[in-house]
Protein backbone atom coordinates (compact mmCIF):
# COMPACT_ATOMS: atom_id res chain seq x y z
CA MET A 1 32.03 200.72 160.61
CA ASN A 2 35.55 199.76 162.05
CA GLU A 3 34.80 202.17 164.83
CA ASP A 4 31.84 200.57 165.60
CA ARG A 5 33.31 197.02 165.73
CA GLU A 6 35.83 198.43 168.18
CA GLN A 7 33.12 199.96 170.71
CA LEU A 8 30.77 196.70 170.29
CA LYS A 9 34.23 194.44 171.12
CA ALA A 10 34.71 196.41 174.09
CA ALA A 11 31.36 196.53 175.30
CA LEU A 12 30.98 192.68 174.88
CA LYS A 13 34.33 192.34 176.94
CA GLU A 14 32.47 194.10 179.48
CA LEU A 15 29.32 192.03 178.92
CA VAL A 16 30.95 188.82 179.44
CA ILE A 17 32.96 190.17 182.53
CA GLU A 18 29.61 191.12 184.38
CA GLU A 19 27.35 188.28 183.25
CA CYS A 20 29.61 185.55 184.14
CA ASP A 21 30.93 187.16 187.28
CA LYS A 22 34.64 187.43 186.45
CA ASP A 23 37.25 189.04 188.28
CA VAL A 24 39.38 190.53 185.08
CA GLU A 25 39.70 193.86 183.46
CA PRO A 26 38.24 194.21 179.72
CA ASP A 27 41.97 194.87 178.60
CA GLU A 28 43.00 191.59 180.00
CA ILE A 29 40.81 189.47 177.52
CA THR A 30 42.13 189.75 173.96
CA ASP A 31 40.07 190.01 170.80
CA ASP A 32 40.84 186.09 169.79
CA GLU A 33 40.96 184.96 173.44
CA VAL A 34 38.92 181.42 173.51
CA LEU A 35 36.05 182.28 175.30
CA ILE A 36 34.34 178.68 176.68
CA GLY A 37 36.90 176.50 178.05
CA GLY A 38 39.66 179.24 177.36
CA PRO A 39 41.80 181.30 180.04
CA LEU A 40 38.56 182.68 181.32
CA ASP A 41 37.42 179.51 182.45
CA LEU A 42 33.80 180.00 181.32
CA ASP A 43 31.23 176.70 181.12
CA SER A 44 28.26 176.01 179.17
CA LEU A 45 26.21 177.99 181.96
CA ASP A 46 28.41 181.06 181.15
CA ALA A 47 27.65 180.37 177.59
CA LEU A 48 24.12 180.54 178.13
CA GLN A 49 24.15 183.70 180.10
CA ILE A 50 26.15 185.54 177.57
CA CYS A 51 23.63 184.40 174.68
CA MET A 52 20.73 185.32 176.93
CA ALA A 53 22.33 188.85 177.44
CA VAL A 54 23.33 189.52 173.91
CA GLN A 55 19.79 188.84 172.88
CA HIS A 56 18.62 191.27 175.27
CA LYS A 57 21.05 194.27 174.67
CA TYR A 58 21.52 193.79 170.62
CA GLY A 59 18.45 191.68 169.61
CA VAL A 60 20.28 188.95 168.36
CA ARG A 61 19.40 185.13 169.21
CA ILE A 62 22.39 182.74 169.19
CA GLU A 63 20.93 179.38 169.02
CA ALA A 64 22.46 176.54 170.71
CA GLY A 65 24.59 174.04 169.22
CA PRO A 66 27.04 174.69 165.92
CA GLN A 67 26.01 178.28 165.83
CA ALA A 68 26.49 179.21 169.41
CA ARG A 69 29.89 177.66 169.15
CA LYS A 70 31.02 179.16 166.40
CA ALA A 71 29.76 182.76 167.78
CA LEU A 72 31.35 182.19 171.18
CA ARG A 73 34.75 181.22 169.72
CA SER A 74 36.06 184.74 170.96
CA ILE A 75 35.16 188.40 171.39
CA ASN A 76 35.87 188.85 167.47
CA ALA A 77 33.29 185.89 166.75
CA LEU A 78 30.73 187.09 168.95
CA SER A 79 31.10 190.96 167.68
CA ASP A 80 30.97 189.13 164.14
CA THR A 81 27.91 187.60 164.88
CA ILE A 82 26.02 190.51 166.14
CA LEU A 83 27.10 192.73 163.41
CA GLU A 84 25.91 190.16 160.61
CA HIS A 85 22.60 189.45 162.37
CA ARG A 86 21.78 192.46 164.33
CA PRO A 87 18.17 194.04 163.53
CA GLY A 88 17.65 197.05 161.39
């Protein structure tokens, strides 16, 4: 499972870069880096894009509000949310 989590985190970094149109390399994003309002300068529209992409790709719906704030805190938090709520 740990290997799956590492692969998921790498895929999520790619997803964030692609969905938010950021010009950074995946290895420049740390697993604990603050996503929204952090060094990547992501905003609420980026958060929405990430949530929509996660739902499409992983089948996990991230509700607005406290759940989204918790899930989008970092790559680690986002991967934990997906692993916890992923169907099947």
